[in-house]
């Protein structure tokens, strides 16, 4: 009784989420490899940043793989973590972080020179900077990642609800048959 209680609609949603995360991760790793090939001098810090880049994009692929191989509960928990990591992006006092494995539609504010609202669209990107561009002051949120966190939460709830209904239907007929046999035996004696 592994995952047979999951309805086709939810299976389709799980597959789409899985492929989305895997495609975003694969594209991200491809971009990192392209960036490594274009980099002339790779320092220790840059190597560490590339390793984190590949690690995060690999994590996105792993999340999708977990969903595809039927490890639904673990896959959804990890997918939620993966999307939460993609919500906030910032560049403050020389430190910056932006992680996108898939699509990003962000809104934010840029206080670098003046106060202005920003809207950006990107796909599979990762920015990690340390002690660089200290004058930048930006904060943004990825609307798609927020949507996916809520989507995953609703999907988890629906799958759990389907599991309970399935388990109740599996145990209920057995109880009904036992009760019918008992009452039949009592009537014949």
N, C-alpha and C. Protein backbone atom coordinates (compact mmCIF):
# COMPACT_ATOMS: atom_id res chain seq x y z
N UNK A 1 0.84 -1.19 0.00
CA UNK A 1 0.00 0.00 0.00
C UNK A 1 0.88 1.25 0.00
N UNK A 2 1.86 1.29 -0.90
CA UNK A 2 2.82 2.38 -0.92
C UNK A 2 2.16 3.73 -1.22
N UNK A 3 1.81 3.97 -2.47
CA UNK A 3 1.21 5.25 -2.84
C UNK A 3 0.01 5.07 -3.75
N UNK A 4 -0.64 3.91 -3.70
CA UNK A 4 -1.76 3.67 -4.59
C UNK A 4 -2.98 4.52 -4.26
N UNK A 5 -3.00 5.16 -3.13
CA UNK A 5 -4.12 6.01 -2.75
C UNK A 5 -4.07 7.37 -3.42
N UNK A 6 -2.95 7.72 -4.03
CA UNK A 6 -2.82 9.04 -4.66
C UNK A 6 -3.61 9.05 -5.96
N UNK A 7 -4.50 10.01 -6.08
CA UNK A 7 -5.34 10.12 -7.27
C UNK A 7 -4.53 10.65 -8.44
N UNK A 8 -5.03 10.42 -9.64
CA UNK A 8 -4.31 10.78 -10.86
C UNK A 8 -4.01 12.28 -10.93
N UNK A 9 -4.94 13.11 -10.49
CA UNK A 9 -4.74 14.55 -10.51
C UNK A 9 -3.51 14.94 -9.67
N UNK A 10 -3.39 14.35 -8.49
CA UNK A 10 -2.25 14.65 -7.62
C UNK A 10 -0.96 14.05 -8.19
N UNK A 11 -1.06 12.86 -8.81
CA UNK A 11 0.12 12.27 -9.44
C UNK A 11 0.66 13.18 -10.54
N UNK A 12 -0.24 13.75 -11.32
CA UNK A 12 0.17 14.66 -12.39
C UNK A 12 0.86 15.90 -11.80
N UNK A 13 0.29 16.45 -10.73
CA UNK A 13 0.90 17.62 -10.08
C UNK A 13 2.28 17.28 -9.53
N UNK A 14 2.42 16.08 -8.94
CA UNK A 14 3.72 15.65 -8.42
C UNK A 14 4.75 15.52 -9.54
N UNK A 15 4.32 14.99 -10.68
CA UNK A 15 5.23 14.85 -11.82
C UNK A 15 5.67 16.21 -12.35
N UNK A 16 4.72 17.14 -12.47
CA UNK A 16 5.06 18.48 -12.97
C UNK A 16 6.04 19.15 -12.02
N UNK A 17 5.79 19.08 -10.72
CA UNK A 17 6.70 19.66 -9.72
C UNK A 17 8.06 19.00 -9.81
N UNK A 18 8.07 17.69 -9.96
CA UNK A 18 9.32 16.94 -10.06
C UNK A 18 10.13 17.38 -11.27
N UNK A 19 9.49 17.39 -12.44
CA UNK A 19 10.20 17.78 -13.66
C UNK A 19 10.65 19.23 -13.62
N UNK A 20 9.84 20.09 -13.04
CA UNK A 20 10.19 21.52 -12.90
C UNK A 20 11.48 21.67 -12.10
N UNK A 21 11.54 21.00 -10.95
CA UNK A 21 12.73 21.13 -10.10
C UNK A 21 13.96 20.50 -10.75
N UNK A 22 13.76 19.35 -11.39
CA UNK A 22 14.89 18.69 -12.04
C UNK A 22 15.42 19.52 -13.22
N UNK A 23 14.51 20.06 -14.02
CA UNK A 23 14.93 20.88 -15.16
C UNK A 23 15.65 22.14 -14.69
N UNK A 24 15.11 22.78 -13.64
CA UNK A 24 15.76 23.97 -13.10
C UNK A 24 17.15 23.66 -12.57
N UNK A 25 17.30 22.52 -11.90
CA UNK A 25 18.60 22.12 -11.38
C UNK A 25 19.60 21.79 -12.48
N UNK A 26 19.13 21.07 -13.49
CA UNK A 26 20.02 20.71 -14.60
C UNK A 26 20.47 21.96 -15.35
N UNK A 27 19.54 22.86 -15.62
CA UNK A 27 19.89 24.11 -16.29
C UNK A 27 20.88 24.91 -15.44
N UNK A 28 20.64 24.95 -14.13
CA UNK A 28 21.54 25.67 -13.23
C UNK A 28 22.95 25.09 -13.24
N UNK A 29 23.06 23.77 -13.19
CA UNK A 29 24.38 23.13 -13.23
C UNK A 29 25.06 23.43 -14.56
N UNK A 30 24.29 23.40 -15.64
CA UNK A 30 24.85 23.76 -16.95
C UNK A 30 25.41 25.17 -16.96
N UNK A 31 24.68 26.11 -16.34
CA UNK A 31 25.16 27.49 -16.27
C UNK A 31 26.43 27.61 -15.41
N UNK A 32 26.49 26.84 -14.32
CA UNK A 32 27.69 26.87 -13.47
C UNK A 32 28.88 26.31 -14.24
N UNK A 33 28.69 25.22 -14.96
CA UNK A 33 29.78 24.65 -15.75
C UNK A 33 30.25 25.65 -16.80
N UNK A 34 29.30 26.32 -17.45
CA UNK A 34 29.65 27.34 -18.44
C UNK A 34 30.43 28.47 -17.78
N UNK A 35 30.02 28.88 -16.59
CA UNK A 35 30.71 29.94 -15.86
C UNK A 35 32.13 29.51 -15.47
N UNK A 36 32.27 28.27 -15.02
CA UNK A 36 33.60 27.76 -14.66
C UNK A 36 34.50 27.76 -15.88
N UNK A 37 33.97 27.37 -17.04
CA UNK A 37 34.77 27.33 -18.26
C UNK A 37 35.21 28.73 -18.69
N UNK A 38 34.41 29.74 -18.40
CA UNK A 38 34.75 31.11 -18.78
C UNK A 38 35.65 31.82 -17.77
N UNK A 39 35.79 31.25 -16.57
CA UNK A 39 36.58 31.88 -15.52
C UNK A 39 38.05 31.56 -15.74
N UNK A 40 38.87 32.61 -15.80
CA UNK A 40 40.30 32.42 -16.06
C UNK A 40 41.06 31.95 -14.83
N UNK A 41 40.81 32.59 -13.71
CA UNK A 41 41.51 32.24 -12.47
C UNK A 41 40.48 31.86 -11.42
N UNK A 42 40.61 30.66 -10.90
CA UNK A 42 39.67 30.18 -9.89
C UNK A 42 40.40 30.15 -8.55
N UNK A 43 39.97 31.03 -7.66
CA UNK A 43 40.56 31.08 -6.32
C UNK A 43 39.84 30.09 -5.42
N UNK A 44 40.33 29.93 -4.21
CA UNK A 44 39.71 29.03 -3.25
C UNK A 44 38.29 29.45 -2.91
N UNK A 45 38.05 30.75 -2.72
CA UNK A 45 36.72 31.25 -2.41
C UNK A 45 35.77 31.03 -3.59
N UNK A 46 36.27 31.28 -4.79
CA UNK A 46 35.45 31.08 -5.98
C UNK A 46 35.11 29.59 -6.16
N UNK A 47 36.06 28.73 -5.85
CA UNK A 47 35.82 27.30 -5.92
C UNK A 47 34.74 26.88 -4.92
N UNK A 48 34.79 27.46 -3.72
CA UNK A 48 33.78 27.19 -2.71
C UNK A 48 32.40 27.65 -3.19
N UNK A 49 32.33 28.82 -3.79
CA UNK A 49 31.06 29.35 -4.29
C UNK A 49 30.53 28.45 -5.41
N UNK A 50 31.40 28.00 -6.31
CA UNK A 50 30.97 27.08 -7.37
C UNK A 50 30.46 25.77 -6.78
N UNK A 51 31.10 25.29 -5.73
CA UNK A 51 30.66 24.05 -5.08
C UNK A 51 29.28 24.23 -4.44
N UNK A 52 29.05 25.37 -3.81
CA UNK A 52 27.73 25.66 -3.23
C UNK A 52 26.69 25.76 -4.34
N UNK A 53 27.06 26.42 -5.44
CA UNK A 53 26.16 26.53 -6.60
C UNK A 53 25.73 25.14 -7.07
N UNK A 54 26.70 24.30 -7.33
CA UNK A 54 26.41 22.94 -7.82
C UNK A 54 25.62 22.16 -6.77
N UNK A 55 25.96 22.36 -5.50
CA UNK A 55 25.23 21.68 -4.43
C UNK A 55 23.77 22.06 -4.39
N UNK A 56 23.47 23.35 -4.50
CA UNK A 56 22.07 23.80 -4.46
C UNK A 56 21.28 23.31 -5.67
N UNK A 57 21.89 23.39 -6.85
CA UNK A 57 21.20 22.91 -8.04
C UNK A 57 21.03 21.39 -8.01
N UNK A 58 22.02 20.69 -7.46
CA UNK A 58 21.90 19.24 -7.30
C UNK A 58 20.79 18.90 -6.31
N UNK A 59 20.64 19.71 -5.28
CA UNK A 59 19.57 19.52 -4.31
C UNK A 59 18.21 19.63 -4.99
N UNK A 60 18.07 20.58 -5.91
CA UNK A 60 16.82 20.74 -6.65
C UNK A 60 16.53 19.49 -7.47
N UNK A 61 17.56 18.95 -8.12
CA UNK A 61 17.40 17.71 -8.89
C UNK A 61 17.00 16.57 -7.97
N UNK A 62 17.64 16.48 -6.82
CA UNK A 62 17.34 15.42 -5.85
C UNK A 62 15.89 15.50 -5.37
N UNK A 63 15.41 16.72 -5.13
CA UNK A 63 14.01 16.89 -4.70
C UNK A 63 13.06 16.31 -5.75
N UNK A 64 13.31 16.64 -7.00
CA UNK A 64 12.48 16.11 -8.08
C UNK A 64 12.58 14.61 -8.19
N UNK A 65 13.78 14.09 -8.03
CA UNK A 65 14.01 12.64 -8.13
C UNK A 65 13.25 11.91 -7.03
N UNK A 66 13.23 12.47 -5.83
CA UNK A 66 12.50 11.84 -4.73
C UNK A 66 11.02 11.71 -5.05
N UNK A 67 10.44 12.73 -5.65
CA UNK A 67 9.03 12.69 -6.02
C UNK A 67 8.78 11.66 -7.12
N UNK A 68 9.68 11.60 -8.08
CA UNK A 68 9.50 10.65 -9.20
C UNK A 68 9.64 9.20 -8.78
N UNK A 69 10.46 8.95 -7.77
CA UNK A 69 10.69 7.56 -7.36
C UNK A 69 9.72 7.11 -6.27
N UNK A 70 8.71 7.93 -5.96
CA UNK A 70 7.68 7.51 -5.03
C UNK A 70 7.94 7.83 -3.58
N UNK A 71 9.01 8.54 -3.29
CA UNK A 71 9.28 8.95 -1.91
C UNK A 71 8.60 10.30 -1.69
N UNK A 72 7.28 10.26 -1.70
CA UNK A 72 6.46 11.46 -1.76
C UNK A 72 6.62 12.35 -0.54
N UNK A 73 6.52 11.77 0.64
CA UNK A 73 6.59 12.58 1.86
C UNK A 73 7.93 13.30 1.95
N UNK A 74 9.02 12.56 1.80
CA UNK A 74 10.36 13.16 1.84
C UNK A 74 10.53 14.17 0.70
N UNK A 75 10.06 13.80 -0.49
CA UNK A 75 10.18 14.68 -1.64
C UNK A 75 9.47 16.00 -1.45
N UNK A 76 8.28 15.96 -0.86
CA UNK A 76 7.54 17.20 -0.63
C UNK A 76 8.18 18.07 0.45
N UNK A 77 8.70 17.43 1.49
CA UNK A 77 9.40 18.20 2.54
C UNK A 77 10.63 18.87 1.95
N UNK A 78 11.43 18.11 1.20
CA UNK A 78 12.64 18.67 0.60
C UNK A 78 12.30 19.73 -0.45
N UNK A 79 11.22 19.51 -1.20
CA UNK A 79 10.80 20.49 -2.20
C UNK A 79 10.38 21.80 -1.53
N UNK A 80 9.73 21.71 -0.39
CA UNK A 80 9.37 22.92 0.35
C UNK A 80 10.62 23.67 0.78
N UNK A 81 11.61 22.95 1.30
CA UNK A 81 12.87 23.58 1.69
C UNK A 81 13.54 24.23 0.48
N UNK A 82 13.55 23.51 -0.64
CA UNK A 82 14.15 24.03 -1.86
C UNK A 82 13.48 25.34 -2.29
N UNK A 83 12.17 25.40 -2.21
CA UNK A 83 11.46 26.62 -2.61
C UNK A 83 11.65 27.74 -1.60
N UNK A 84 11.69 27.41 -0.32
CA UNK A 84 11.91 28.45 0.70
C UNK A 84 13.27 29.12 0.50
N UNK A 85 14.28 28.33 0.13
CA UNK A 85 15.60 28.90 -0.15
C UNK A 85 15.57 29.89 -1.31
N UNK A 86 14.56 29.78 -2.16
CA UNK A 86 14.47 30.64 -3.34
C UNK A 86 13.61 31.88 -3.14
N UNK A 87 12.99 32.01 -2.00
CA UNK A 87 12.06 33.14 -1.78
C UNK A 87 12.80 34.46 -1.64
N UNK A 88 13.73 34.54 -0.74
CA UNK A 88 14.39 35.81 -0.42
C UNK A 88 15.68 35.96 -1.20
N UNK A 89 15.87 37.15 -1.75
CA UNK A 89 17.13 37.50 -2.41
C UNK A 89 17.54 38.88 -1.91
N UNK A 90 18.84 39.05 -1.75
CA UNK A 90 19.30 40.31 -1.18
C UNK A 90 20.73 40.62 -1.62
N UNK A 91 21.07 41.89 -1.53
CA UNK A 91 22.44 42.37 -1.69
C UNK A 91 22.59 43.49 -0.67
N UNK A 92 23.33 43.21 0.39
CA UNK A 92 23.46 44.15 1.50
C UNK A 92 24.89 44.15 2.00
N UNK A 93 25.51 45.33 2.07
CA UNK A 93 26.84 45.52 2.64
C UNK A 93 27.90 44.56 2.08
N UNK A 94 27.85 44.34 0.79
CA UNK A 94 28.85 43.50 0.14
C UNK A 94 28.52 42.03 0.10
N UNK A 95 27.44 41.62 0.71
CA UNK A 95 27.00 40.22 0.68
C UNK A 95 25.72 40.13 -0.15
N UNK A 96 25.66 39.11 -0.99
CA UNK A 96 24.47 38.94 -1.83
C UNK A 96 24.12 37.47 -1.95
N UNK A 97 22.83 37.21 -2.07
CA UNK A 97 22.36 35.84 -2.27
C UNK A 97 21.09 35.87 -3.11
N UNK A 98 21.10 35.06 -4.16
CA UNK A 98 19.90 34.84 -4.98
C UNK A 98 20.03 33.43 -5.55
N UNK A 99 19.02 32.60 -5.28
CA UNK A 99 19.01 31.22 -5.76
C UNK A 99 17.69 30.97 -6.47
N UNK A 100 17.76 30.54 -7.71
CA UNK A 100 16.59 30.23 -8.50
C UNK A 100 16.86 28.94 -9.26
N UNK A 101 16.09 27.89 -8.98
CA UNK A 101 16.16 26.64 -9.75
C UNK A 101 14.81 26.48 -10.42
N UNK A 102 14.67 27.07 -11.57
CA UNK A 102 13.40 27.12 -12.27
C UNK A 102 13.17 28.54 -12.72
N UNK A 103 12.00 29.09 -12.40
CA UNK A 103 11.66 30.45 -12.79
C UNK A 103 11.57 31.36 -11.58
N UNK A 104 11.90 32.63 -11.82
CA UNK A 104 11.78 33.63 -10.78
C UNK A 104 11.02 34.83 -11.33
N UNK A 105 10.01 35.22 -10.64
CA UNK A 105 9.34 36.49 -10.87
C UNK A 105 9.42 37.21 -9.54
N UNK A 106 10.27 38.22 -9.49
CA UNK A 106 10.50 38.84 -8.18
C UNK A 106 10.05 40.29 -8.16
N UNK A 107 9.65 40.69 -6.96
CA UNK A 107 9.38 42.09 -6.67
C UNK A 107 10.30 42.46 -5.52
N UNK A 108 10.74 43.69 -5.54
CA UNK A 108 11.63 44.10 -4.46
C UNK A 108 11.84 45.59 -4.45
N UNK A 109 12.79 45.99 -3.63
CA UNK A 109 13.17 47.39 -3.56
C UNK A 109 14.69 47.49 -3.72
N UNK A 110 15.09 48.56 -4.37
CA UNK A 110 16.50 48.85 -4.57
C UNK A 110 16.77 50.21 -3.93
N UNK A 111 17.59 50.19 -2.88
CA UNK A 111 17.91 51.43 -2.17
C UNK A 111 19.34 51.86 -2.43
N UNK A 112 19.96 51.36 -3.48
CA UNK A 112 21.36 51.65 -3.75
C UNK A 112 21.60 53.14 -3.94
N UNK A 113 20.85 53.78 -4.84
CA UNK A 113 21.01 55.22 -5.04
C UNK A 113 19.76 55.98 -4.64
N UNK A 114 18.61 55.43 -4.96
CA UNK A 114 17.33 56.02 -4.58
C UNK A 114 16.38 54.89 -4.24
N UNK A 115 15.23 55.24 -3.75
CA UNK A 115 14.22 54.22 -3.46
C UNK A 115 13.46 53.92 -4.74
N UNK A 116 13.53 52.66 -5.18
CA UNK A 116 12.74 52.28 -6.35
C UNK A 116 12.32 50.82 -6.24
N UNK A 117 11.14 50.55 -6.79
CA UNK A 117 10.63 49.18 -6.83
C UNK A 117 11.24 48.46 -8.03
N UNK A 118 11.46 47.16 -7.86
CA UNK A 118 12.02 46.37 -8.96
C UNK A 118 11.12 45.18 -9.25
N UNK A 119 11.07 44.81 -10.50
CA UNK A 119 10.38 43.62 -10.97
C UNK A 119 11.34 42.90 -11.91
N UNK A 120 11.60 41.64 -11.64
CA UNK A 120 12.55 40.88 -12.46
C UNK A 120 11.98 39.52 -12.80
N UNK A 121 12.41 39.00 -13.95
CA UNK A 121 12.08 37.65 -14.36
C UNK A 121 13.39 36.98 -14.78
N UNK A 122 13.66 35.80 -14.23
CA UNK A 122 14.86 35.04 -14.56
C UNK A 122 14.54 33.57 -14.49
N UNK A 123 15.48 32.76 -14.95
CA UNK A 123 15.36 31.32 -14.77
C UNK A 123 16.72 30.77 -14.39
N UNK A 124 16.70 29.82 -13.49
CA UNK A 124 17.89 29.13 -12.96
C UNK A 124 19.10 30.04 -12.85
N UNK A 125 19.18 30.72 -11.74
CA UNK A 125 20.30 31.62 -11.48
C UNK A 125 20.73 31.47 -10.03
N UNK A 126 21.98 31.74 -9.80
CA UNK A 126 22.49 31.73 -8.43
C UNK A 126 23.54 32.81 -8.31
N UNK A 127 23.35 33.67 -7.34
CA UNK A 127 24.31 34.72 -7.05
C UNK A 127 24.69 34.62 -5.59
N UNK A 128 25.97 34.45 -5.36
CA UNK A 128 26.51 34.49 -4.01
C UNK A 128 27.74 35.38 -4.08
N UNK A 129 27.72 36.47 -3.36
CA UNK A 129 28.91 37.33 -3.32
C UNK A 129 29.26 37.63 -1.87
N UNK A 130 30.54 37.77 -1.66
CA UNK A 130 31.07 38.07 -0.34
C UNK A 130 32.06 39.21 -0.49
N UNK A 131 31.84 40.30 0.27
CA UNK A 131 32.73 41.47 0.23
C UNK A 131 32.90 42.03 -1.17
N UNK A 132 31.79 42.22 -1.85
CA UNK A 132 31.84 42.75 -3.21
C UNK A 132 30.62 43.65 -3.41
N UNK A 133 30.77 44.70 -4.17
CA UNK A 133 29.67 45.64 -4.44
C UNK A 133 29.02 46.09 -3.15
N UNK A 134 29.84 46.65 -2.25
CA UNK A 134 29.35 47.04 -0.92
C UNK A 134 28.31 48.16 -0.96
N UNK A 135 28.24 48.87 -2.09
CA UNK A 135 27.26 49.96 -2.18
C UNK A 135 25.86 49.47 -2.54
N UNK A 136 25.73 48.22 -2.97
CA UNK A 136 24.41 47.70 -3.33
C UNK A 136 23.55 47.48 -2.10
N UNK A 137 22.30 47.84 -2.22
CA UNK A 137 21.33 47.61 -1.15
C UNK A 137 19.99 47.26 -1.81
N UNK A 138 19.77 45.94 -1.98
CA UNK A 138 18.58 45.44 -2.66
C UNK A 138 17.98 44.29 -1.86
N UNK A 139 16.66 44.22 -1.89
CA UNK A 139 15.94 43.11 -1.28
C UNK A 139 14.78 42.77 -2.20
N UNK A 140 14.56 41.47 -2.41
CA UNK A 140 13.45 41.05 -3.26
C UNK A 140 12.90 39.71 -2.81
N UNK A 141 11.71 39.42 -3.29
CA UNK A 141 11.10 38.11 -3.02
C UNK A 141 10.65 37.50 -4.34
N UNK A 142 10.80 36.19 -4.42
CA UNK A 142 10.42 35.43 -5.60
C UNK A 142 8.97 34.97 -5.43
N UNK A 143 8.10 35.55 -6.20
CA UNK A 143 6.67 35.25 -6.11
C UNK A 143 6.38 33.81 -6.52
N UNK A 144 7.09 33.32 -7.52
CA UNK A 144 6.87 31.94 -7.97
C UNK A 144 7.23 30.95 -6.86
N UNK A 145 8.33 31.20 -6.16
CA UNK A 145 8.73 30.31 -5.06
C UNK A 145 7.69 30.33 -3.94
N UNK A 146 7.16 31.51 -3.64
CA UNK A 146 6.10 31.60 -2.61
C UNK A 146 4.88 30.80 -3.05
N UNK A 147 4.48 30.97 -4.32
CA UNK A 147 3.35 30.22 -4.85
C UNK A 147 3.61 28.72 -4.72
N UNK A 148 4.83 28.27 -5.06
CA UNK A 148 5.14 26.84 -5.00
C UNK A 148 5.13 26.30 -3.57
N UNK A 149 5.53 27.10 -2.60
CA UNK A 149 5.46 26.66 -1.20
C UNK A 149 4.01 26.39 -0.83
N UNK A 150 3.11 27.30 -1.18
CA UNK A 150 1.69 27.10 -0.89
C UNK A 150 1.12 25.94 -1.71
N UNK A 151 1.54 25.82 -2.96
CA UNK A 151 1.10 24.72 -3.83
C UNK A 151 1.49 23.37 -3.22
N UNK A 152 2.74 23.27 -2.76
CA UNK A 152 3.23 22.02 -2.15
C UNK A 152 2.46 21.72 -0.88
N UNK A 153 2.19 22.75 -0.07
CA UNK A 153 1.45 22.55 1.17
C UNK A 153 0.04 22.03 0.88
N UNK A 154 -0.65 22.62 -0.09
CA UNK A 154 -2.00 22.15 -0.45
C UNK A 154 -1.95 20.74 -1.01
N UNK A 155 -0.92 20.44 -1.81
CA UNK A 155 -0.76 19.11 -2.38
C UNK A 155 -0.53 18.07 -1.28
N UNK A 156 0.30 18.43 -0.30
CA UNK A 156 0.52 17.54 0.86
C UNK A 156 -0.79 17.26 1.59
N UNK A 157 -1.56 18.31 1.83
CA UNK A 157 -2.84 18.16 2.52
C UNK A 157 -3.79 17.26 1.74
N UNK A 158 -3.87 17.45 0.43
CA UNK A 158 -4.77 16.66 -0.41
C UNK A 158 -4.32 15.20 -0.43
N UNK A 159 -3.03 14.95 -0.53
CA UNK A 159 -2.53 13.57 -0.53
C UNK A 159 -2.80 12.91 0.82
N UNK A 160 -2.62 13.63 1.91
CA UNK A 160 -2.90 13.09 3.24
C UNK A 160 -4.39 12.78 3.39
N UNK A 161 -5.22 13.66 2.89
CA UNK A 161 -6.68 13.44 2.93
C UNK A 161 -7.04 12.19 2.12
N UNK A 162 -6.46 12.05 0.93
CA UNK A 162 -6.71 10.87 0.09
C UNK A 162 -6.22 9.59 0.79
N UNK A 163 -5.10 9.68 1.49
CA UNK A 163 -4.56 8.52 2.21
C UNK A 163 -5.54 8.07 3.30
N UNK A 164 -6.08 9.03 4.05
CA UNK A 164 -7.02 8.70 5.13
C UNK A 164 -8.29 8.07 4.58
N UNK A 165 -8.79 8.62 3.48
CA UNK A 165 -10.00 8.06 2.86
C UNK A 165 -9.71 6.65 2.37
N UNK A 166 -8.57 6.46 1.76
CA UNK A 166 -8.20 5.14 1.24
C UNK A 166 -8.08 4.13 2.37
N UNK A 167 -7.39 4.51 3.44
CA UNK A 167 -7.22 3.59 4.58
C UNK A 167 -8.56 3.26 5.23
N UNK A 168 -9.44 4.24 5.30
CA UNK A 168 -10.76 3.99 5.88
C UNK A 168 -11.57 3.04 5.00
N UNK A 169 -11.43 3.19 3.70
CA UNK A 169 -12.18 2.30 2.79
C UNK A 169 -11.61 0.90 2.79
N UNK A 170 -10.33 0.76 3.04
CA UNK A 170 -9.70 -0.57 3.08
C UNK A 170 -10.09 -1.29 4.36
N UNK A 171 -10.13 -0.60 5.49
CA UNK A 171 -10.46 -1.24 6.77
C UNK A 171 -11.96 -1.39 6.97
N UNK A 172 -12.75 -0.49 6.43
CA UNK A 172 -14.20 -0.53 6.65
C UNK A 172 -14.86 -1.78 6.06
N UNK A 173 -14.58 -2.19 4.81
CA UNK A 173 -15.23 -3.41 4.32
C UNK A 173 -14.89 -4.64 5.16
N UNK A 174 -13.68 -4.74 5.64
CA UNK A 174 -13.32 -5.90 6.47
C UNK A 174 -14.13 -5.90 7.76
N UNK A 175 -14.31 -4.75 8.39
CA UNK A 175 -15.13 -4.66 9.60
C UNK A 175 -16.59 -4.97 9.29
N UNK A 176 -17.07 -4.51 8.15
CA UNK A 176 -18.46 -4.74 7.76
C UNK A 176 -18.72 -6.24 7.54
N UNK A 177 -17.77 -6.90 6.88
CA UNK A 177 -17.91 -8.35 6.64
C UNK A 177 -17.87 -9.11 7.95
N UNK A 178 -16.96 -8.76 8.85
CA UNK A 178 -16.87 -9.42 10.15
C UNK A 178 -18.16 -9.23 10.93
N UNK A 179 -18.69 -8.01 10.92
CA UNK A 179 -19.94 -7.73 11.63
C UNK A 179 -21.10 -8.51 11.04
N UNK A 180 -21.15 -8.63 9.72
CA UNK A 180 -22.23 -9.38 9.06
C UNK A 180 -22.12 -10.86 9.40
N UNK A 181 -20.92 -11.40 9.43
CA UNK A 181 -20.74 -12.81 9.76
C UNK A 181 -21.14 -13.08 11.20
N UNK A 182 -20.83 -12.17 12.10
CA UNK A 182 -21.18 -12.34 13.50
C UNK A 182 -22.68 -12.34 13.67
N UNK A 183 -23.37 -11.39 13.02
CA UNK A 183 -24.81 -11.32 13.18
C UNK A 183 -25.50 -12.51 12.51
N UNK A 184 -24.94 -13.03 11.42
CA UNK A 184 -25.49 -14.23 10.77
C UNK A 184 -25.33 -15.43 11.66
N UNK A 185 -24.18 -15.58 12.31
CA UNK A 185 -23.94 -16.69 13.23
C UNK A 185 -24.88 -16.62 14.42
N UNK A 186 -25.16 -15.42 14.93
CA UNK A 186 -26.04 -15.29 16.08
C UNK A 186 -27.48 -15.67 15.70
N UNK A 187 -27.89 -15.34 14.46
CA UNK A 187 -29.24 -15.65 14.03
C UNK A 187 -29.44 -17.16 13.85
N UNK A 188 -28.43 -17.88 13.40
CA UNK A 188 -28.56 -19.32 13.14
C UNK A 188 -28.51 -20.14 14.41
N UNK A 189 -28.02 -19.63 15.49
CA UNK A 189 -27.92 -20.41 16.74
C UNK A 189 -29.12 -20.27 17.60
